[in-house]
Amino acid sequence: MRALIQRVKQASVRIDGALNDQIEGGLLVLLGVGLDDEPSDIEWLSNKLIALRIFNDSEGVMNRSLSDIDGDLMIVSQFTLHAKTKKGNRPSYIRAAGPDKAIPLYEAFIAHCEQLLNKRVARGVFGADMQIELINDGPVTIMIDSKEKDF
């Protein structure tokens, strides 16, 4: 699983012009599920995400986690995070899992995050044409791949 994590002041998801979900202060996570992802990736990546210390403490140092600040979390599926761009100019998405595999893992990832945070997680709609609006705070943007745990 690949997660593009953005610290945000606010974020929202619109579908066909209608507001689907929104958050105030926290993390917007674009989540890509790959062909070789499995349930163990969910636990490792969600635990890492919730404990990631990228929020400022009273000294202005990034030393606090999402759970420390009781921040909001929004997770949006994004298969393009598995784009392969080595050859040519048209990305290949053969490394991204199809809906039969990706949807259950995406939903389980959200459920595990809700359990860890003990609150609802905002989300997009898998496979929908979504418009994401955000105010990136910092900016702070981090990529984590569950297959590269030593990175």
C-alpha atoms as a PDB file:
ATOM      1  CA  MET A   1       0.000   0.000   0.000  1.00  0.00           C
ATOM      2  CA  ARG A   2       1.141   3.471  -0.776  1.00  0.00           C
ATOM      3  CA  ALA A   3      -0.010   6.483   1.180  1.00  0.00           C
ATOM      4  CA  LEU A   4       0.569  10.080   0.176  1.00  0.00           C
ATOM      5  CA  ILE A   5       0.074  11.921   3.463  1.00  0.00           C
ATOM      6  CA  GLN A   6      -0.637  15.638   3.571  1.00  0.00           C
ATOM      7  CA  ARG A   7      -0.932  17.690   6.736  1.00  0.00           C
ATOM      8  CA  VAL A   8      -3.909  19.947   6.138  1.00  0.00           C
ATOM      9  CA  LYS A   9      -5.763  22.821   7.723  1.00  0.00           C
ATOM     10  CA  GLN A  10      -8.870  21.597   5.882  1.00  0.00           C
ATOM     11  CA  ALA A  11      -9.820  19.211   3.100  1.00  0.00           C
ATOM     12  CA  SER A  12     -12.983  18.225   1.267  1.00  0.00           C
ATOM     13  CA  VAL A  13     -14.151  15.758  -1.361  1.00  0.00           C
ATOM     14  CA  ARG A  14     -16.786  16.664  -3.938  1.00  0.00           C
ATOM     15  CA  ILE A  15     -18.482  14.304  -6.357  1.00  0.00           C
ATOM     16  CA  ASP A  16     -20.569  15.737  -9.204  1.00  0.00           C
ATOM     17  CA  GLY A  17     -20.292  19.120  -7.501  1.00  0.00           C
ATOM     18  CA  ALA A  18     -21.836  17.915  -4.233  1.00  0.00           C
ATOM     19  CA  LEU A  19     -19.900  17.841  -0.971  1.00  0.00           C
ATOM     20  CA  ASN A  20     -19.229  14.213  -0.032  1.00  0.00           C
ATOM     21  CA  ASP A  21     -17.056  14.681   3.083  1.00  0.00           C
ATOM     22  CA  GLN A  22     -14.722  17.160   4.753  1.00  0.00           C
ATOM     23  CA  ILE A  23     -12.291  17.633   7.632  1.00  0.00           C
ATOM     24  CA  GLU A  24     -10.818  20.509   9.598  1.00  0.00           C
ATOM     25  CA  GLY A  25      -7.207  20.164  10.677  1.00  0.00           C
ATOM     26  CA  GLY A  26      -5.435  16.833  10.384  1.00  0.00           C
ATOM     27  CA  LEU A  27      -4.335  14.544   7.574  1.00  0.00           C
ATOM     28  CA  LEU A  28      -5.529  13.918   4.040  1.00  0.00           C
ATOM     29  CA  VAL A  29      -4.284  10.524   2.895  1.00  0.00           C
ATOM     30  CA  LEU A  30      -4.383   9.389  -0.720  1.00  0.00           C
ATOM     31  CA  LEU A  31      -4.221   5.580  -0.541  1.00  0.00           C
ATOM     32  CA  GLY A  32      -3.156   3.297  -3.375  1.00  0.00           C
ATOM     33  CA  VAL A  33      -3.697  -0.455  -3.057  1.00  0.00           C
ATOM     34  CA  GLY A  34      -1.274  -2.614  -5.025  1.00  0.00           C
ATOM     35  CA  LEU A  35      -1.503  -6.112  -6.477  1.00  0.00           C
ATOM     36  CA  ASP A  36       0.677  -7.605  -3.743  1.00  0.00           C
ATOM     37  CA  ASP A  37      -0.953  -5.850  -0.786  1.00  0.00           C
ATOM     38  CA  GLU A  38      -2.537  -7.900   1.970  1.00  0.00           C
ATOM     39  CA  PRO A  39      -4.160  -7.383   5.387  1.00  0.00           C
ATOM     40  CA  SER A  40      -0.781  -7.182   7.159  1.00  0.00           C
ATOM     41  CA  ASP A  41      -0.067  -3.998   5.162  1.00  0.00           C
ATOM     42  CA  ILE A  42      -3.181  -2.415   6.676  1.00  0.00           C
ATOM     43  CA  GLU A  43      -2.039  -2.839  10.250  1.00  0.00           C
ATOM     44  CA  TRP A  44       1.529  -1.662   9.658  1.00  0.00           C
ATOM     45  CA  LEU A  45       0.604   1.367   7.531  1.00  0.00           C
ATOM     46  CA  SER A  46      -2.341   2.543   9.656  1.00  0.00           C
ATOM     47  CA  ASN A  47      -0.297   2.263  12.867  1.00  0.00           C
ATOM     48  CA  LYS A  48       2.528   4.223  11.219  1.00  0.00           C
ATOM     49  CA  LEU A  49       0.114   6.855   9.918  1.00  0.00           C
ATOM     50  CA  ILE A  50      -1.618   7.487  13.246  1.00  0.00           C
ATOM     51  CA  ALA A  51       1.699   7.662  15.169  1.00  0.00           C
ATOM     52  CA  LEU A  52       3.590   9.778  12.595  1.00  0.00           C
ATOM     53  CA  ARG A  53       4.887  12.847  14.438  1.00  0.00           C
ATOM     54  CA  ILE A  54       4.386  15.636  11.910  1.00  0.00           C
ATOM     55  CA  PHE A  55       2.404  18.183  13.925  1.00  0.00           C
ATOM     56  CA  ASN A  56       4.108  21.010  15.782  1.00  0.00           C
ATOM     57  CA  ASP A  57       4.520  21.018  19.542  1.00  0.00           C
ATOM     58  CA  SER A  58       4.600  24.198  21.640  1.00  0.00           C
ATOM     59  CA  GLU A  59       8.195  24.805  20.516  1.00  0.00           C
ATOM     60  CA  GLY A  60       7.271  24.639  16.826  1.00  0.00           C
ATOM     61  CA  VAL A  61       8.961  21.248  16.366  1.00  0.00           C
ATOM     62  CA  MET A  62       7.169  18.452  14.491  1.00  0.00           C
ATOM     63  CA  ASN A  63       6.833  16.220  17.520  1.00  0.00           C
ATOM     64  CA  ARG A  64       3.112  15.421  17.809  1.00  0.00           C
ATOM     65  CA  SER A  65       1.001  12.779  16.078  1.00  0.00           C
ATOM     66  CA  LEU A  66      -2.526  12.856  14.726  1.00  0.00           C
ATOM     67  CA  SER A  67      -3.777  11.128  17.858  1.00  0.00           C
ATOM     68  CA  ASP A  68      -1.830  13.576  20.075  1.00  0.00           C
ATOM     69  CA  ILE A  69      -3.673  16.543  18.568  1.00  0.00           C
ATOM     70  CA  ASP A  70      -7.013  14.712  18.176  1.00  0.00           C
ATOM     71  CA  GLY A  71      -6.889  15.691  14.494  1.00  0.00           C
ATOM     72  CA  ASP A  72      -9.229  14.645  11.728  1.00  0.00           C
ATOM     73  CA  LEU A  73      -8.367  12.086   9.069  1.00  0.00           C
ATOM     74  CA  MET A  74      -9.610  11.779   5.500  1.00  0.00           C
ATOM     75  CA  ILE A  75      -8.692   8.786   3.316  1.00  0.00           C
ATOM     76  CA  VAL A  76      -9.254   8.823  -0.446  1.00  0.00           C
ATOM     77  CA  SER A  77      -8.484   5.911  -2.774  1.00  0.00           C
ATOM     78  CA  GLN A  78      -6.024   6.706  -5.560  1.00  0.00           C
ATOM     79  CA  PHE A  79      -4.835   3.882  -7.798  1.00  0.00           C
ATOM     80  CA  THR A  80      -2.546   6.260  -9.712  1.00  0.00           C
ATOM     81  CA  LEU A  81      -0.060   6.114  -6.815  1.00  0.00           C
ATOM     82  CA  HIS A  82       0.986   2.784  -8.365  1.00  0.00           C
ATOM     83  CA  ALA A  83       1.709   4.334 -11.764  1.00  0.00           C
ATOM     84  CA  LYS A  84       4.676   2.875 -13.598  1.00  0.00           C
ATOM     85  CA  THR A  85       6.379   5.581 -15.662  1.00  0.00           C
ATOM     86  CA  LYS A  86       9.655   3.962 -16.724  1.00  0.00           C
ATOM     87  CA  LYS A  87       8.766   3.539 -20.416  1.00  0.00           C
ATOM     88  CA  GLY A  88       7.085   6.081 -22.636  1.00  0.00           C
ATOM     89  CA  ASN A  89       4.911   8.973 -21.594  1.00  0.00           C
ATOM     90  CA  ARG A  90       1.692   7.145 -20.765  1.00  0.00           C
ATOM     91  CA  PRO A  91       1.694   5.720 -17.217  1.00  0.00           C
ATOM     92  CA  SER A  92       0.875   2.059 -16.724  1.00  0.00           C
ATOM     93  CA  TYR A  93      -1.304   1.038 -13.798  1.00  0.00           C
ATOM     94  CA  ILE A  94      -0.711  -2.722 -13.950  1.00  0.00           C
ATOM     95  CA  ARG A  95       0.688  -2.676 -10.395  1.00  0.00           C
ATOM     96  CA  ALA A  96      -2.547  -1.254  -8.949  1.00  0.00           C
ATOM     97  CA  ALA A  97      -5.030  -3.754  -7.543  1.00  0.00           C
ATOM     98  CA  GLY A  98      -8.399  -4.026  -9.259  1.00  0.00           C
ATOM     99  CA  PRO A  99     -11.638  -3.213  -7.429  1.00  0.00           C
ATOM    100  CA  ASP A 100     -12.257  -6.816  -6.283  1.00  0.00           C
ATOM    101  CA  LYS A 101      -9.098  -6.698  -4.190  1.00  0.00           C
ATOM    102  CA  ALA A 102      -8.681  -2.971  -3.590  1.00  0.00           C
ATOM    103  CA  ILE A 103     -12.143  -2.110  -2.225  1.00  0.00           C
ATOM    104  CA  PRO A 104     -12.071  -4.569   0.715  1.00  0.00           C
ATOM    105  CA  LEU A 105      -8.524  -3.512   1.644  1.00  0.00           C
ATOM    106  CA  TYR A 106      -9.399   0.206   1.331  1.00  0.00           C
ATOM    107  CA  GLU A 107     -12.472  -0.252   3.547  1.00  0.00           C
ATOM    108  CA  ALA A 108     -10.525  -2.349   6.077  1.00  0.00           C
ATOM    109  CA  PHE A 109      -7.822   0.338   6.200  1.00  0.00           C
ATOM    110  CA  ILE A 110     -10.435   2.991   7.018  1.00  0.00           C
ATOM    111  CA  ALA A 111     -12.038   0.753   9.665  1.00  0.00           C
ATOM    112  CA  HIS A 112      -8.667   0.087  11.322  1.00  0.00           C
ATOM    113  CA  CYS A 113      -7.872   3.811  11.400  1.00  0.00           C
ATOM    114  CA  GLU A 114     -11.285   4.501  12.965  1.00  0.00           C
ATOM    115  CA  GLN A 115     -10.530   1.903  15.608  1.00  0.00           C
ATOM    116  CA  LEU A 116      -7.111   3.413  16.353  1.00  0.00           C
ATOM    117  CA  LEU A 117      -8.467   6.976  16.535  1.00  0.00           C
ATOM    118  CA  ASN A 118     -11.773   6.017  18.161  1.00  0.00           C
ATOM    119  CA  LYS A 119     -13.667   8.300  15.794  1.00  0.00           C
ATOM    120  CA  ARG A 120     -15.061   8.444  12.272  1.00  0.00           C
ATOM    121  CA  VAL A 121     -12.675   8.856   9.367  1.00  0.00           C
ATOM    122  CA  ALA A 122     -13.795  11.009   6.437  1.00  0.00           C
ATOM    123  CA  ARG A 123     -13.470   9.427   3.000  1.00  0.00           C
ATOM    124  CA  GLY A 124     -13.934   9.570  -0.703  1.00  0.00           C
ATOM    125  CA  VAL A 125     -15.922   7.097  -2.800  1.00  0.00           C
ATOM    126  CA  PHE A 126     -13.866   4.315  -4.351  1.00  0.00           C
ATOM    127  CA  GLY A 127     -13.758   4.631  -8.137  1.00  0.00           C
ATOM    128  CA  ALA A 128     -15.676   7.918  -8.265  1.00  0.00           C
ATOM    129  CA  ASP A 129     -14.511  10.980 -10.185  1.00  0.00           C
ATOM    130  CA  MET A 130     -13.675  13.151  -7.178  1.00  0.00           C
ATOM    131  CA  GLN A 131     -12.550  16.732  -6.766  1.00  0.00           C
ATOM    132  CA  ILE A 132     -10.316  17.170  -3.740  1.00  0.00           C
ATOM    133  CA  GLU A 133      -9.826  20.594  -2.190  1.00  0.00           C
ATOM    134  CA  LEU A 134      -7.225  21.125   0.507  1.00  0.00           C
ATOM    135  CA  ILE A 135      -5.150  23.660   2.306  1.00  0.00           C
ATOM    136  CA  ASN A 136      -1.800  21.948   2.813  1.00  0.00           C
ATOM    137  CA  ASP A 137      -0.351  22.993   6.172  1.00  0.00           C
ATOM    138  CA  GLY A 138       3.386  23.656   6.019  1.00  0.00           C
ATOM    139  CA  PRO A 139       3.410  22.284   3.390  1.00  0.00           C
ATOM    140  CA  VAL A 140       4.017  18.817   4.813  1.00  0.00           C
ATOM    141  CA  THR A 141       3.648  15.954   2.331  1.00  0.00           C
ATOM    142  CA  ILE A 142       5.076  12.476   2.958  1.00  0.00           C
ATOM    143  CA  MET A 143       4.971   9.261   0.941  1.00  0.00           C
ATOM    144  CA  ILE A 144       4.965   5.899   2.733  1.00  0.00           C
ATOM    145  CA  ASP A 145       5.023   2.502   1.016  1.00  0.00           C
ATOM    146  CA  SER A 146       4.230  -0.548   3.145  1.00  0.00           C
ATOM    147  CA  LYS A 147       6.608  -2.603   1.001  1.00  0.00           C
ATOM    148  CA  GLU A 148       9.520  -0.336   1.946  1.00  0.00           C
ATOM    149  CA  LYS A 149       9.380  -0.561   5.741  1.00  0.00           C
ATOM    150  CA  ASP A 150      13.100   0.162   6.085  1.00  0.00           C
ATOM    151  CA  PHE A 151      12.873   3.431   4.110  1.00  0.00           C
END
